[in-house]
Amino acid sequence: MHLNIIENTKNELLKRHEIKASLEDKKIPSKEEVRKNLSAQLNVPEENIAIIKIKSSFGRNTISVSARQYANKEEMKKIENKHIMKRNFGEEKKETVKEATEVKAEEAK
């Protein structure tokens, strides 16, 4: 799988690059595969890339991809929508109060 980067626009206000790419393949790749390929081509860590959309047309082998590249993961968390983050990286485990008190109690020993 080889992604052809069509457009790489820098958005100064939101401190990110908005990327549009295409590829030709018989099957639609996963977000993880696309993220790995983009990170290799752009020489950035995978966790700094959010895949927005992977779209294919019926009867064609051409697939279009929309992605955003951030300088670091903290900037991405501040700016990117929560549902996009959930789709790309899964839900982050929230530590419950009970678990937090158990960890503090173990550290105190």
C-alpha atoms as a PDB file:
ATOM      1  CA  MET A   1       0.000   0.000   0.000  1.00  0.00           C
ATOM      2  CA  HIS A   2       1.394   3.340  -1.055  1.00  0.00           C
ATOM      3  CA  LEU A   3      -0.363   6.595  -0.211  1.00  0.00           C
ATOM      4  CA  ASN A   4      -0.072   9.438  -2.696  1.00  0.00           C
ATOM      5  CA  ILE A   5      -0.215  12.699  -0.769  1.00  0.00           C
ATOM      6  CA  ILE A   6      -2.324  15.072  -2.856  1.00  0.00           C
ATOM      7  CA  GLU A   7      -2.435  18.060  -0.522  1.00  0.00           C
ATOM      8  CA  ASN A   8      -0.596  19.005   2.657  1.00  0.00           C
ATOM      9  CA  THR A   9      -1.890  22.340   3.944  1.00  0.00           C
ATOM     10  CA  LYS A  10      -0.493  24.006   7.055  1.00  0.00           C
ATOM     11  CA  ASN A  11      -3.137  25.503   9.346  1.00  0.00           C
ATOM     12  CA  GLU A  12      -1.301  28.089  11.461  1.00  0.00           C
ATOM     13  CA  LEU A  13      -4.292  28.920  13.646  1.00  0.00           C
ATOM     14  CA  LEU A  14      -4.855  25.344  14.835  1.00  0.00           C
ATOM     15  CA  LYS A  15      -1.151  24.369  14.660  1.00  0.00           C
ATOM     16  CA  ARG A  16      -1.656  21.363  12.395  1.00  0.00           C
ATOM     17  CA  HIS A  17      -1.215  20.061   8.855  1.00  0.00           C
ATOM     18  CA  GLU A  18      -4.341  18.985   6.981  1.00  0.00           C
ATOM     19  CA  ILE A  19      -3.502  16.122   4.647  1.00  0.00           C
ATOM     20  CA  LYS A  20      -5.434  14.679   1.724  1.00  0.00           C
ATOM     21  CA  ALA A  21      -4.137  11.504   0.135  1.00  0.00           C
ATOM     22  CA  SER A  22      -5.277   8.736  -2.174  1.00  0.00           C
ATOM     23  CA  LEU A  23      -4.353   5.137  -2.828  1.00  0.00           C
ATOM     24  CA  GLU A  24      -5.401   2.319  -5.089  1.00  0.00           C
ATOM     25  CA  ASP A  25      -6.197  -0.995  -3.468  1.00  0.00           C
ATOM     26  CA  LYS A  26      -8.889  -3.661  -3.620  1.00  0.00           C
ATOM     27  CA  LYS A  27      -9.628  -3.497   0.102  1.00  0.00           C
ATOM     28  CA  ILE A  28     -10.080  -0.532   2.380  1.00  0.00           C
ATOM     29  CA  PRO A  29      -7.137  -0.273   4.801  1.00  0.00           C
ATOM     30  CA  SER A  30      -7.622   0.216   8.529  1.00  0.00           C
ATOM     31  CA  LYS A  31      -6.928   3.522  10.257  1.00  0.00           C
ATOM     32  CA  GLU A  32      -3.847   1.959  11.880  1.00  0.00           C
ATOM     33  CA  GLU A  33      -2.394   0.925   8.509  1.00  0.00           C
ATOM     34  CA  VAL A  34      -2.998   4.381   7.041  1.00  0.00           C
ATOM     35  CA  ARG A  35      -1.518   6.079  10.139  1.00  0.00           C
ATOM     36  CA  LYS A  36       1.637   3.915   9.956  1.00  0.00           C
ATOM     37  CA  ASN A  37       2.060   4.665   6.264  1.00  0.00           C
ATOM     38  CA  LEU A  38       1.554   8.414   6.724  1.00  0.00           C
ATOM     39  CA  SER A  39       3.927   8.569   9.690  1.00  0.00           C
ATOM     40  CA  ALA A  40       6.613   6.818   7.646  1.00  0.00           C
ATOM     41  CA  GLN A  41       6.160   9.196   4.718  1.00  0.00           C
ATOM     42  CA  LEU A  42       6.007  12.363   6.841  1.00  0.00           C
ATOM     43  CA  ASN A  43       8.656  11.282   9.394  1.00  0.00           C
ATOM     44  CA  VAL A  44       6.428  12.009  12.403  1.00  0.00           C
ATOM     45  CA  PRO A  45       5.291   9.768  15.289  1.00  0.00           C
ATOM     46  CA  GLU A  46       2.081   7.804  14.718  1.00  0.00           C
ATOM     47  CA  GLU A  47       0.389   9.270  17.800  1.00  0.00           C
ATOM     48  CA  ASN A  48       0.537  12.760  16.215  1.00  0.00           C
ATOM     49  CA  ILE A  49      -1.680  11.788  13.258  1.00  0.00           C
ATOM     50  CA  ALA A  50      -5.483  11.626  13.384  1.00  0.00           C
ATOM     51  CA  ILE A  51      -7.293   9.927  10.505  1.00  0.00           C
ATOM     52  CA  ILE A  52     -10.498  11.828   9.803  1.00  0.00           C
ATOM     53  CA  LYS A  53     -12.013   9.909   6.918  1.00  0.00           C
ATOM     54  CA  ILE A  54     -11.287   6.946   4.641  1.00  0.00           C
ATOM     55  CA  LYS A  55     -13.666   6.931   1.694  1.00  0.00           C
ATOM     56  CA  SER A  56     -13.999   4.631  -1.291  1.00  0.00           C
ATOM     57  CA  SER A  57     -16.246   4.897  -4.325  1.00  0.00           C
ATOM     58  CA  PHE A  58     -18.418   1.994  -5.383  1.00  0.00           C
ATOM     59  CA  GLY A  59     -16.890   0.011  -8.237  1.00  0.00           C
ATOM     60  CA  ARG A  60     -13.510   1.746  -8.087  1.00  0.00           C
ATOM     61  CA  ASN A  61     -10.233   0.812  -6.475  1.00  0.00           C
ATOM     62  CA  THR A  62      -9.441   4.430  -5.576  1.00  0.00           C
ATOM     63  CA  ILE A  63      -9.612   5.324  -1.894  1.00  0.00           C
ATOM     64  CA  SER A  64      -9.360   8.878  -0.551  1.00  0.00           C
ATOM     65  CA  VAL A  65      -8.011   9.685   2.900  1.00  0.00           C
ATOM     66  CA  SER A  66      -8.303  12.818   5.047  1.00  0.00           C
ATOM     67  CA  ALA A  67      -5.944  13.191   7.997  1.00  0.00           C
ATOM     68  CA  ARG A  68      -4.520  15.808  10.348  1.00  0.00           C
ATOM     69  CA  GLN A  69      -0.974  15.947  11.683  1.00  0.00           C
ATOM     70  CA  TYR A  70      -0.218  17.758  14.940  1.00  0.00           C
ATOM     71  CA  ALA A  71       3.071  18.798  16.498  1.00  0.00           C
ATOM     72  CA  ASN A  72       2.368  16.732  19.628  1.00  0.00           C
ATOM     73  CA  LYS A  73      -0.367  14.650  21.230  1.00  0.00           C
ATOM     74  CA  GLU A  74      -1.289  17.333  23.794  1.00  0.00           C
ATOM     75  CA  GLU A  75      -2.188  19.807  21.032  1.00  0.00           C
ATOM     76  CA  MET A  76      -4.250  17.105  19.339  1.00  0.00           C
ATOM     77  CA  LYS A  77      -6.198  16.381  22.534  1.00  0.00           C
ATOM     78  CA  LYS A  78      -6.993  20.075  22.987  1.00  0.00           C
ATOM     79  CA  ILE A  79      -8.179  20.684  19.426  1.00  0.00           C
ATOM     80  CA  GLU A  80      -9.493  17.445  17.930  1.00  0.00           C
ATOM     81  CA  ASN A  81     -13.098  16.297  18.473  1.00  0.00           C
ATOM     82  CA  LYS A  82     -13.597  13.585  21.080  1.00  0.00           C
ATOM     83  CA  HIS A  83     -15.306  11.182  18.682  1.00  0.00           C
ATOM     84  CA  ILE A  84     -12.364  11.414  16.253  1.00  0.00           C
ATOM     85  CA  MET A  85      -9.933  10.673  19.092  1.00  0.00           C
ATOM     86  CA  LYS A  86     -12.066   7.707  20.174  1.00  0.00           C
ATOM     87  CA  ARG A  87     -12.146   6.324  16.612  1.00  0.00           C
ATOM     88  CA  ASN A  88      -8.396   6.659  16.186  1.00  0.00           C
ATOM     89  CA  PHE A  89      -7.018   5.693  19.569  1.00  0.00           C
ATOM     90  CA  GLY A  90      -9.892   4.031  21.434  1.00  0.00           C
ATOM     91  CA  GLU A  91     -11.240   5.143  24.770  1.00  0.00           C
ATOM     92  CA  GLU A  92      -8.711   6.175  27.348  1.00  0.00           C
ATOM     93  CA  LYS A  93      -9.285   4.373  30.616  1.00  0.00           C
ATOM     94  CA  LYS A  94     -10.488   6.770  33.267  1.00  0.00           C
ATOM     95  CA  GLU A  95      -9.181   5.989  36.694  1.00  0.00           C
ATOM     96  CA  THR A  96     -11.976   5.592  39.210  1.00  0.00           C
ATOM     97  CA  VAL A  97     -11.793   7.094  42.674  1.00  0.00           C
ATOM     98  CA  LYS A  98     -11.607   3.633  44.231  1.00  0.00           C
ATOM     99  CA  GLU A  99      -8.629   2.623  42.065  1.00  0.00           C
ATOM    100  CA  ALA A 100      -6.870   5.910  42.798  1.00  0.00           C
ATOM    101  CA  THR A 101      -7.203   5.463  46.564  1.00  0.00           C
ATOM    102  CA  GLU A 102      -5.946   1.862  46.318  1.00  0.00           C
ATOM    103  CA  VAL A 103      -2.863   2.998  44.383  1.00  0.00           C
ATOM    104  CA  LYS A 104      -2.156   5.779  46.895  1.00  0.00           C
ATOM    105  CA  ALA A 105      -2.537   3.326  49.775  1.00  0.00           C
ATOM    106  CA  GLU A 106      -0.056   0.927  48.176  1.00  0.00           C
ATOM    107  CA  GLU A 107       2.433   3.763  47.568  1.00  0.00           C
ATOM    108  CA  ALA A 108       2.155   4.839  51.212  1.00  0.00           C
ATOM    109  CA  LYS A 109       3.262   1.378  52.421  1.00  0.00           C
END
